[in-house]
Amino acid sequence: MIVFKNVYKYYKKDWVALNNLNIQIEKGQFNYLIGRSGAGKSTLMKMIYMELFPTEGEVEVAGFSTKTIKQNEIPLLRRKIGVIFQDFKLLKDRNVYDNVAFALQVTGERYSSIRKKTLEALAAVKMSHKRNSFPYQLSGGEQQKVAIARAIIKEPFILLADEPTGNVDPEGTKDILDLLFEINTRGTAILMATHDYSLIKKSVGKVIGLRDGKSVNPDDIFKMEFGGQQ
């Protein structure tokens, strides 16, 4: 489904963001991506939705390759991928319903279909009762649920979650994790970047470790960067 083949990414001559990276993410897997800031996690995710391209090597995603994809095909790829961010990235001047619906409005989908799918997505994240609220009226956990609804409305094959609980309190964190696990059981693959090892212990998902742009044994990261807790 997603394959990184001998991928290098150089930002400067002395800054290698990804260093001969070879990883594979299978259909329907729940994957954790761990490593300190600067390890290459965000670069890896941006290559999956092809905001960035390798300096060397190849990334294959859902039948598209960084070596052969055309510029006008990138939007088609991105429709198959859901992305949620630590800072939510909601439109402040739109209510919850309109924030979620916007993901389909930009694709030109019919109004009746947009309304149906928006209401279904809000119900899936248990935010139907807040559909007329604006982002400033929501807690961090509620804003992240709206962001997840916006990401899943396109029925993506994979959901990329970049530190999705970083701005959420402990109660909200549990809700977000439970929601991601539920989405995964429906067949959507998850790739979740996190610094919080305590979250990883709550799941049996696959763990991908990065250090200095290289794929490393996650146990080594746990020992060196999480105080040896396993």
C-alpha atoms as a PDB file:
ATOM      1  CA  MET A   1       0.000   0.000   0.000  1.00  0.00           C
ATOM      2  CA  ILE A   2       2.772   2.456   0.988  1.00  0.00           C
ATOM      3  CA  VAL A   3       6.412   1.663   0.286  1.00  0.00           C
ATOM      4  CA  PHE A   4       9.569   3.726   0.821  1.00  0.00           C
ATOM      5  CA  LYS A   5      12.454   2.383  -1.283  1.00  0.00           C
ATOM      6  CA  ASN A   6      15.978   3.619  -0.492  1.00  0.00           C
ATOM      7  CA  VAL A   7      14.627   7.109   0.186  1.00  0.00           C
ATOM      8  CA  TYR A   8      16.951  10.025   0.866  1.00  0.00           C
ATOM      9  CA  LYS A   9      15.846  13.613   1.465  1.00  0.00           C
ATOM     10  CA  TYR A  10      18.420  16.387   1.667  1.00  0.00           C
ATOM     11  CA  TYR A  11      17.418  19.893   2.732  1.00  0.00           C
ATOM     12  CA  LYS A  12      21.027  21.082   2.762  1.00  0.00           C
ATOM     13  CA  LYS A  13      24.313  19.369   2.039  1.00  0.00           C
ATOM     14  CA  ASP A  14      24.833  18.749   5.752  1.00  0.00           C
ATOM     15  CA  TRP A  15      21.172  18.054   6.662  1.00  0.00           C
ATOM     16  CA  VAL A  16      19.847  14.651   5.700  1.00  0.00           C
ATOM     17  CA  ALA A  17      16.179  14.483   6.733  1.00  0.00           C
ATOM     18  CA  LEU A  18      15.723  10.882   5.520  1.00  0.00           C
ATOM     19  CA  ASN A  19      18.670   8.539   5.128  1.00  0.00           C
ATOM     20  CA  ASN A  20      18.221   5.411   2.982  1.00  0.00           C
ATOM     21  CA  LEU A  21      14.751   4.794   4.411  1.00  0.00           C
ATOM     22  CA  ASN A  22      13.041   1.500   3.595  1.00  0.00           C
ATOM     23  CA  ILE A  23       9.647   0.906   5.188  1.00  0.00           C
ATOM     24  CA  GLN A  24       6.310  -0.590   4.227  1.00  0.00           C
ATOM     25  CA  ILE A  25       2.833   0.177   5.576  1.00  0.00           C
ATOM     26  CA  GLU A  26       0.227  -2.468   4.893  1.00  0.00           C
ATOM     27  CA  LYS A  27      -3.465  -2.096   4.216  1.00  0.00           C
ATOM     28  CA  GLY A  28      -5.500  -1.683   7.401  1.00  0.00           C
ATOM     29  CA  GLN A  29      -2.516  -1.504   9.783  1.00  0.00           C
ATOM     30  CA  PHE A  30      -2.340   0.734  12.850  1.00  0.00           C
ATOM     31  CA  ASN A  31       1.170   2.195  12.840  1.00  0.00           C
ATOM     32  CA  TYR A  32       2.939   4.388  15.366  1.00  0.00           C
ATOM     33  CA  LEU A  33       5.772   6.613  14.159  1.00  0.00           C
ATOM     34  CA  ILE A  34       8.186   7.549  16.947  1.00  0.00           C
ATOM     35  CA  GLY A  35      11.363   9.572  17.257  1.00  0.00           C
ATOM     36  CA  ARG A  36      12.492  12.879  18.652  1.00  0.00           C
ATOM     37  CA  SER A  37      11.962  16.224  16.924  1.00  0.00           C
ATOM     38  CA  GLY A  38      14.125  16.322  13.819  1.00  0.00           C
ATOM     39  CA  ALA A  39      14.085  12.538  13.369  1.00  0.00           C
ATOM     40  CA  GLY A  40      12.254  12.864  10.036  1.00  0.00           C
ATOM     41  CA  LYS A  41       8.656  12.074  11.030  1.00  0.00           C
ATOM     42  CA  SER A  42       7.028  15.096   9.385  1.00  0.00           C
ATOM     43  CA  THR A  43       9.143  14.696   6.251  1.00  0.00           C
ATOM     44  CA  LEU A  44       8.035  11.069   5.982  1.00  0.00           C
ATOM     45  CA  MET A  45       4.365  12.016   6.269  1.00  0.00           C
ATOM     46  CA  LYS A  46       4.656  14.829   3.726  1.00  0.00           C
ATOM     47  CA  MET A  47       6.131  12.365   1.247  1.00  0.00           C
ATOM     48  CA  ILE A  48       3.087  10.122   1.601  1.00  0.00           C
ATOM     49  CA  TYR A  49       0.750  12.872   0.383  1.00  0.00           C
ATOM     50  CA  MET A  50       3.493  14.134  -1.929  1.00  0.00           C
ATOM     51  CA  GLU A  51       3.973  17.613  -0.603  1.00  0.00           C
ATOM     52  CA  LEU A  52       7.656  16.641  -0.586  1.00  0.00           C
ATOM     53  CA  PHE A  53       9.569  14.356  -2.960  1.00  0.00           C
ATOM     54  CA  PRO A  54      12.696  12.287  -2.349  1.00  0.00           C
ATOM     55  CA  THR A  55      16.096  13.583  -3.378  1.00  0.00           C
ATOM     56  CA  GLU A  56      16.902   9.943  -4.131  1.00  0.00           C
ATOM     57  CA  GLY A  57      14.823   6.772  -4.048  1.00  0.00           C
ATOM     58  CA  GLU A  58      11.098   6.249  -4.521  1.00  0.00           C
ATOM     59  CA  VAL A  59       7.854   6.384  -2.552  1.00  0.00           C
ATOM     60  CA  GLU A  60       4.840   4.397  -3.778  1.00  0.00           C
ATOM     61  CA  VAL A  61       1.378   5.243  -2.424  1.00  0.00           C
ATOM     62  CA  ALA A  62      -1.862   3.631  -3.589  1.00  0.00           C
ATOM     63  CA  GLY A  63      -0.498   2.929  -7.055  1.00  0.00           C
ATOM     64  CA  PHE A  64       1.174   6.329  -7.467  1.00  0.00           C
ATOM     65  CA  SER A  65       4.952   6.760  -7.525  1.00  0.00           C
ATOM     66  CA  THR A  66       6.988   9.849  -6.718  1.00  0.00           C
ATOM     67  CA  LYS A  67       9.009   9.062  -9.845  1.00  0.00           C
ATOM     68  CA  THR A  68       6.110   9.081 -12.294  1.00  0.00           C
ATOM     69  CA  ILE A  69       3.176  10.997 -10.758  1.00  0.00           C
ATOM     70  CA  LYS A  70       2.028  14.016 -12.751  1.00  0.00           C
ATOM     71  CA  GLN A  71       1.178  17.341 -11.137  1.00  0.00           C
ATOM     72  CA  ASN A  72      -2.516  17.018 -12.005  1.00  0.00           C
ATOM     73  CA  GLU A  73      -2.641  13.559 -10.391  1.00  0.00           C
ATOM     74  CA  ILE A  74      -1.524  14.750  -6.944  1.00  0.00           C
ATOM     75  CA  PRO A  75      -5.038  15.999  -5.975  1.00  0.00           C
ATOM     76  CA  LEU A  76      -6.400  12.557  -6.919  1.00  0.00           C
ATOM     77  CA  LEU A  77      -3.897  10.926  -4.573  1.00  0.00           C
ATOM     78  CA  ARG A  78      -4.692  13.330  -1.738  1.00  0.00           C
ATOM     79  CA  ARG A  79      -8.387  12.506  -1.950  1.00  0.00           C
ATOM     80  CA  LYS A  80      -7.418   9.010  -0.816  1.00  0.00           C
ATOM     81  CA  ILE A  81      -5.502  10.268   2.230  1.00  0.00           C
ATOM     82  CA  GLY A  82      -6.833  11.848   5.418  1.00  0.00           C
ATOM     83  CA  VAL A  83      -4.562  14.148   7.434  1.00  0.00           C
ATOM     84  CA  ILE A  84      -5.010  15.507  10.961  1.00  0.00           C
ATOM     85  CA  PHE A  85      -2.631  17.904  12.686  1.00  0.00           C
ATOM     86  CA  GLN A  86      -1.641  18.766  16.239  1.00  0.00           C
ATOM     87  CA  ASP A  87      -3.011  22.326  15.834  1.00  0.00           C
ATOM     88  CA  PHE A  88      -6.302  21.172  14.222  1.00  0.00           C
ATOM     89  CA  LYS A  89      -6.174  23.669  11.296  1.00  0.00           C
ATOM     90  CA  LEU A  90      -9.907  24.408  11.448  1.00  0.00           C
ATOM     91  CA  LEU A  91     -11.371  27.419   9.638  1.00  0.00           C
ATOM     92  CA  LYS A  92     -12.157  29.895  12.421  1.00  0.00           C
ATOM     93  CA  ASP A  93     -14.863  31.733  10.494  1.00  0.00           C
ATOM     94  CA  ARG A  94     -16.911  28.571   9.812  1.00  0.00           C
ATOM     95  CA  ASN A  95     -18.935  26.394  12.132  1.00  0.00           C
ATOM     96  CA  VAL A  96     -18.326  22.707  12.728  1.00  0.00           C
ATOM     97  CA  TYR A  97     -20.621  21.548   9.940  1.00  0.00           C
ATOM     98  CA  ASP A  98     -19.051  23.874   7.367  1.00  0.00           C
ATOM     99  CA  ASN A  99     -15.506  22.928   8.418  1.00  0.00           C
ATOM    100  CA  VAL A 100     -16.234  19.275   7.711  1.00  0.00           C
ATOM    101  CA  ALA A 101     -18.289  19.878   4.568  1.00  0.00           C
ATOM    102  CA  PHE A 102     -15.532  22.042   3.090  1.00  0.00           C
ATOM    103  CA  ALA A 103     -13.391  18.941   2.448  1.00  0.00           C
ATOM    104  CA  LEU A 104     -15.954  17.801  -0.136  1.00  0.00           C
ATOM    105  CA  GLN A 105     -17.052  21.216  -1.380  1.00  0.00           C
ATOM    106  CA  VAL A 106     -13.624  21.798  -2.899  1.00  0.00           C
ATOM    107  CA  THR A 107     -14.020  18.604  -4.952  1.00  0.00           C
ATOM    108  CA  GLY A 108     -17.280  19.807  -6.522  1.00  0.00           C
ATOM    109  CA  GLU A 109     -19.431  17.052  -5.043  1.00  0.00           C
ATOM    110  CA  ARG A 110     -23.240  17.468  -5.117  1.00  0.00           C
ATOM    111  CA  TYR A 111     -24.903  19.298  -2.204  1.00  0.00           C
ATOM    112  CA  SER A 112     -27.115  16.355  -1.226  1.00  0.00           C
ATOM    113  CA  SER A 113     -24.113  14.030  -1.069  1.00  0.00           C
ATOM    114  CA  ILE A 114     -22.051  16.549   0.911  1.00  0.00           C
ATOM    115  CA  ARG A 115     -24.815  16.990   3.478  1.00  0.00           C
ATOM    116  CA  LYS A 116     -25.303  13.239   3.912  1.00  0.00           C
ATOM    117  CA  LYS A 117     -21.587  12.495   4.285  1.00  0.00           C
ATOM    118  CA  THR A 118     -20.974  15.468   6.594  1.00  0.00           C
ATOM    119  CA  LEU A 119     -23.712  14.406   8.988  1.00  0.00           C
ATOM    120  CA  GLU A 120     -22.425  10.820   8.910  1.00  0.00           C
ATOM    121  CA  ALA A 121     -18.859  11.946   9.657  1.00  0.00           C
ATOM    122  CA  LEU A 122     -19.987  14.121  12.571  1.00  0.00           C
ATOM    123  CA  ALA A 123     -22.041  11.244  13.957  1.00  0.00           C
ATOM    124  CA  ALA A 124     -19.006   8.941  13.683  1.00  0.00           C
ATOM    125  CA  VAL A 125     -16.948  11.240  15.926  1.00  0.00           C
ATOM    126  CA  LYS A 126     -19.900  11.979  18.222  1.00  0.00           C
ATOM    127  CA  MET A 127     -19.991  15.691  17.389  1.00  0.00           C
ATOM    128  CA  SER A 128     -23.430  16.010  15.758  1.00  0.00           C
ATOM    129  CA  HIS A 129     -24.696  18.091  18.682  1.00  0.00           C
ATOM    130  CA  LYS A 130     -21.948  20.673  18.066  1.00  0.00           C
ATOM    131  CA  ARG A 131     -22.470  21.101  14.332  1.00  0.00           C
ATOM    132  CA  ASN A 132     -23.508  24.764  14.645  1.00  0.00           C
ATOM    133  CA  SER A 133     -20.685  25.682  17.044  1.00  0.00           C
ATOM    134  CA  PHE A 134     -17.554  27.561  16.014  1.00  0.00           C
ATOM    135  CA  PRO A 135     -14.012  26.355  16.791  1.00  0.00           C
ATOM    136  CA  TYR A 136     -13.494  28.925  19.557  1.00  0.00           C
ATOM    137  CA  GLN A 137     -16.474  27.432  21.387  1.00  0.00           C
ATOM    138  CA  LEU A 138     -14.913  23.952  21.502  1.00  0.00           C
ATOM    139  CA  SER A 139     -12.344  22.279  23.730  1.00  0.00           C
ATOM    140  CA  GLY A 140      -9.087  21.005  22.245  1.00  0.00           C
ATOM    141  CA  GLY A 141     -10.419  17.454  22.190  1.00  0.00           C
ATOM    142  CA  GLU A 142     -13.620  18.546  20.450  1.00  0.00           C
ATOM    143  CA  GLN A 143     -11.675  20.503  17.833  1.00  0.00           C
ATOM    144  CA  GLN A 144      -9.555  17.446  17.118  1.00  0.00           C
ATOM    145  CA  LYS A 145     -12.693  15.312  16.687  1.00  0.00           C
ATOM    146  CA  VAL A 146     -13.936  17.818  14.101  1.00  0.00           C
ATOM    147  CA  ALA A 147     -10.560  17.612  12.359  1.00  0.00           C
ATOM    148  CA  ILE A 148     -10.876  13.819  12.299  1.00  0.00           C
ATOM    149  CA  ALA A 149     -14.398  14.061  10.858  1.00  0.00           C
ATOM    150  CA  ARG A 150     -13.052  16.331   8.121  1.00  0.00           C
ATOM    151  CA  ALA A 151     -10.289  13.796   7.398  1.00  0.00           C
ATOM    152  CA  ILE A 152     -12.521  10.712   7.226  1.00  0.00           C
ATOM    153  CA  ILE A 153     -15.333  12.269   5.186  1.00  0.00           C
ATOM    154  CA  LYS A 154     -13.397  11.391   2.005  1.00  0.00           C
ATOM    155  CA  GLU A 155     -13.280   7.735   3.132  1.00  0.00           C
ATOM    156  CA  PRO A 156      -9.466   7.605   2.913  1.00  0.00           C
ATOM    157  CA  PHE A 157      -7.514   4.361   2.811  1.00  0.00           C
ATOM    158  CA  ILE A 158      -5.038   5.820   5.324  1.00  0.00           C
ATOM    159  CA  LEU A 159      -5.270   8.479   8.024  1.00  0.00           C
ATOM    160  CA  LEU A 160      -2.078  10.376   8.846  1.00  0.00           C
ATOM    161  CA  ALA A 161      -2.151  11.761  12.396  1.00  0.00           C
ATOM    162  CA  ASP A 162       0.735  14.095  13.267  1.00  0.00           C
ATOM    163  CA  GLU A 163       0.861  14.372  17.081  1.00  0.00           C
ATOM    164  CA  PRO A 164      -2.968  14.404  17.234  1.00  0.00           C
ATOM    165  CA  THR A 165      -3.098  14.523  21.054  1.00  0.00           C
ATOM    166  CA  GLY A 166      -0.379  17.153  21.519  1.00  0.00           C
ATOM    167  CA  ASN A 167      -2.862  19.949  22.349  1.00  0.00           C
ATOM    168  CA  VAL A 168      -5.475  17.804  24.076  1.00  0.00           C
ATOM    169  CA  ASP A 169      -6.008  17.140  27.793  1.00  0.00           C
ATOM    170  CA  PRO A 170      -5.782  13.562  29.188  1.00  0.00           C
ATOM    171  CA  GLU A 171      -9.527  12.929  28.951  1.00  0.00           C
ATOM    172  CA  GLY A 172      -9.606  14.228  25.400  1.00  0.00           C
ATOM    173  CA  THR A 173      -6.539  12.159  24.545  1.00  0.00           C
ATOM    174  CA  LYS A 174      -8.345   8.966  25.527  1.00  0.00           C
ATOM    175  CA  ASP A 175     -11.344   9.947  23.386  1.00  0.00           C
ATOM    176  CA  ILE A 176      -9.111  10.657  20.376  1.00  0.00           C
ATOM    177  CA  LEU A 177      -7.254   7.349  20.711  1.00  0.00           C
ATOM    178  CA  ASP A 178     -10.490   5.389  21.096  1.00  0.00           C
ATOM    179  CA  LEU A 179     -11.797   7.104  17.985  1.00  0.00           C
ATOM    180  CA  LEU A 180      -8.681   6.301  15.963  1.00  0.00           C
ATOM    181  CA  PHE A 181      -8.827   2.663  17.066  1.00  0.00           C
ATOM    182  CA  GLU A 182     -12.490   2.505  16.006  1.00  0.00           C
ATOM    183  CA  ILE A 183     -11.703   4.018  12.601  1.00  0.00           C
ATOM    184  CA  ASN A 184      -8.924   1.462  12.179  1.00  0.00           C
ATOM    185  CA  THR A 185     -11.272  -1.455  12.897  1.00  0.00           C
ATOM    186  CA  ARG A 186     -13.358  -0.322   9.905  1.00  0.00           C
ATOM    187  CA  GLY A 187     -10.382  -0.935   7.630  1.00  0.00           C
ATOM    188  CA  THR A 188      -8.650   2.451   7.464  1.00  0.00           C
ATOM    189  CA  ALA A 189      -4.908   2.286   8.038  1.00  0.00           C
ATOM    190  CA  ILE A 190      -3.518   4.714  10.620  1.00  0.00           C
ATOM    191  CA  LEU A 191      -0.058   6.271  10.801  1.00  0.00           C
ATOM    192  CA  MET A 192       0.228   8.224  14.033  1.00  0.00           C
ATOM    193  CA  ALA A 193       3.330  10.224  14.913  1.00  0.00           C
ATOM    194  CA  THR A 194       3.807  10.678  18.652  1.00  0.00           C
ATOM    195  CA  HIS A 195       6.372  11.508  21.325  1.00  0.00           C
ATOM    196  CA  ASP A 196       4.223   9.912  24.023  1.00  0.00           C
ATOM    197  CA  TYR A 197       5.256   6.321  24.682  1.00  0.00           C
ATOM    198  CA  SER A 198       2.429   5.875  27.192  1.00  0.00           C
ATOM    199  CA  LEU A 199       0.014   5.996  24.246  1.00  0.00           C
ATOM    200  CA  ILE A 200       1.847   3.209  22.449  1.00  0.00           C
ATOM    201  CA  LYS A 201       1.432   0.852  25.403  1.00  0.00           C
ATOM    202  CA  LYS A 202      -2.348   1.064  24.940  1.00  0.00           C
ATOM    203  CA  SER A 203      -2.279  -0.554  21.507  1.00  0.00           C
ATOM    204  CA  VAL A 204      -0.827  -3.535  19.706  1.00  0.00           C
ATOM    205  CA  GLY A 205      -0.098  -1.489  16.604  1.00  0.00           C
ATOM    206  CA  LYS A 206       3.129  -1.713  14.637  1.00  0.00           C
ATOM    207  CA  VAL A 207       5.832   0.752  15.748  1.00  0.00           C
ATOM    208  CA  ILE A 208       8.151   2.466  13.239  1.00  0.00           C
ATOM    209  CA  GLY A 209      11.193   4.088  14.832  1.00  0.00           C
ATOM    210  CA  LEU A 210      13.159   6.961  13.281  1.00  0.00           C
ATOM    211  CA  ARG A 211      16.448   8.479  14.372  1.00  0.00           C
ATOM    212  CA  ASP A 212      18.382  10.960  12.231  1.00  0.00           C
ATOM    213  CA  GLY A 213      16.256  10.011   9.257  1.00  0.00           C
ATOM    214  CA  LYS A 214      17.025   6.300   9.554  1.00  0.00           C
ATOM    215  CA  SER A 215      14.701   3.444  10.373  1.00  0.00           C
ATOM    216  CA  VAL A 216      15.813   1.934  13.696  1.00  0.00           C
ATOM    217  CA  ASN A 217      14.610  -0.736  16.085  1.00  0.00           C
ATOM    218  CA  PRO A 218      11.858   0.883  18.210  1.00  0.00           C
ATOM    219  CA  ASP A 219      13.268  -0.850  21.293  1.00  0.00           C
ATOM    220  CA  ASP A 220      16.447   1.204  20.912  1.00  0.00           C
ATOM    221  CA  ILE A 221      14.404   4.403  20.913  1.00  0.00           C
ATOM    222  CA  PHE A 222      12.445   3.269  23.958  1.00  0.00           C
ATOM    223  CA  LYS A 223      15.690   2.618  25.833  1.00  0.00           C
ATOM    224  CA  MET A 224      17.505   5.820  24.830  1.00  0.00           C
ATOM    225  CA  GLU A 225      14.669   8.308  24.434  1.00  0.00           C
ATOM    226  CA  PHE A 226      11.896   7.079  26.732  1.00  0.00           C
ATOM    227  CA  GLY A 227      13.993   6.267  29.779  1.00  0.00           C
ATOM    228  CA  GLY A 228      14.225   2.541  29.159  1.00  0.00           C
ATOM    229  CA  GLN A 229      10.512   1.893  29.775  1.00  0.00           C
ATOM    230  CA  GLN A 230       9.104  -1.064  27.874  1.00  0.00           C
END
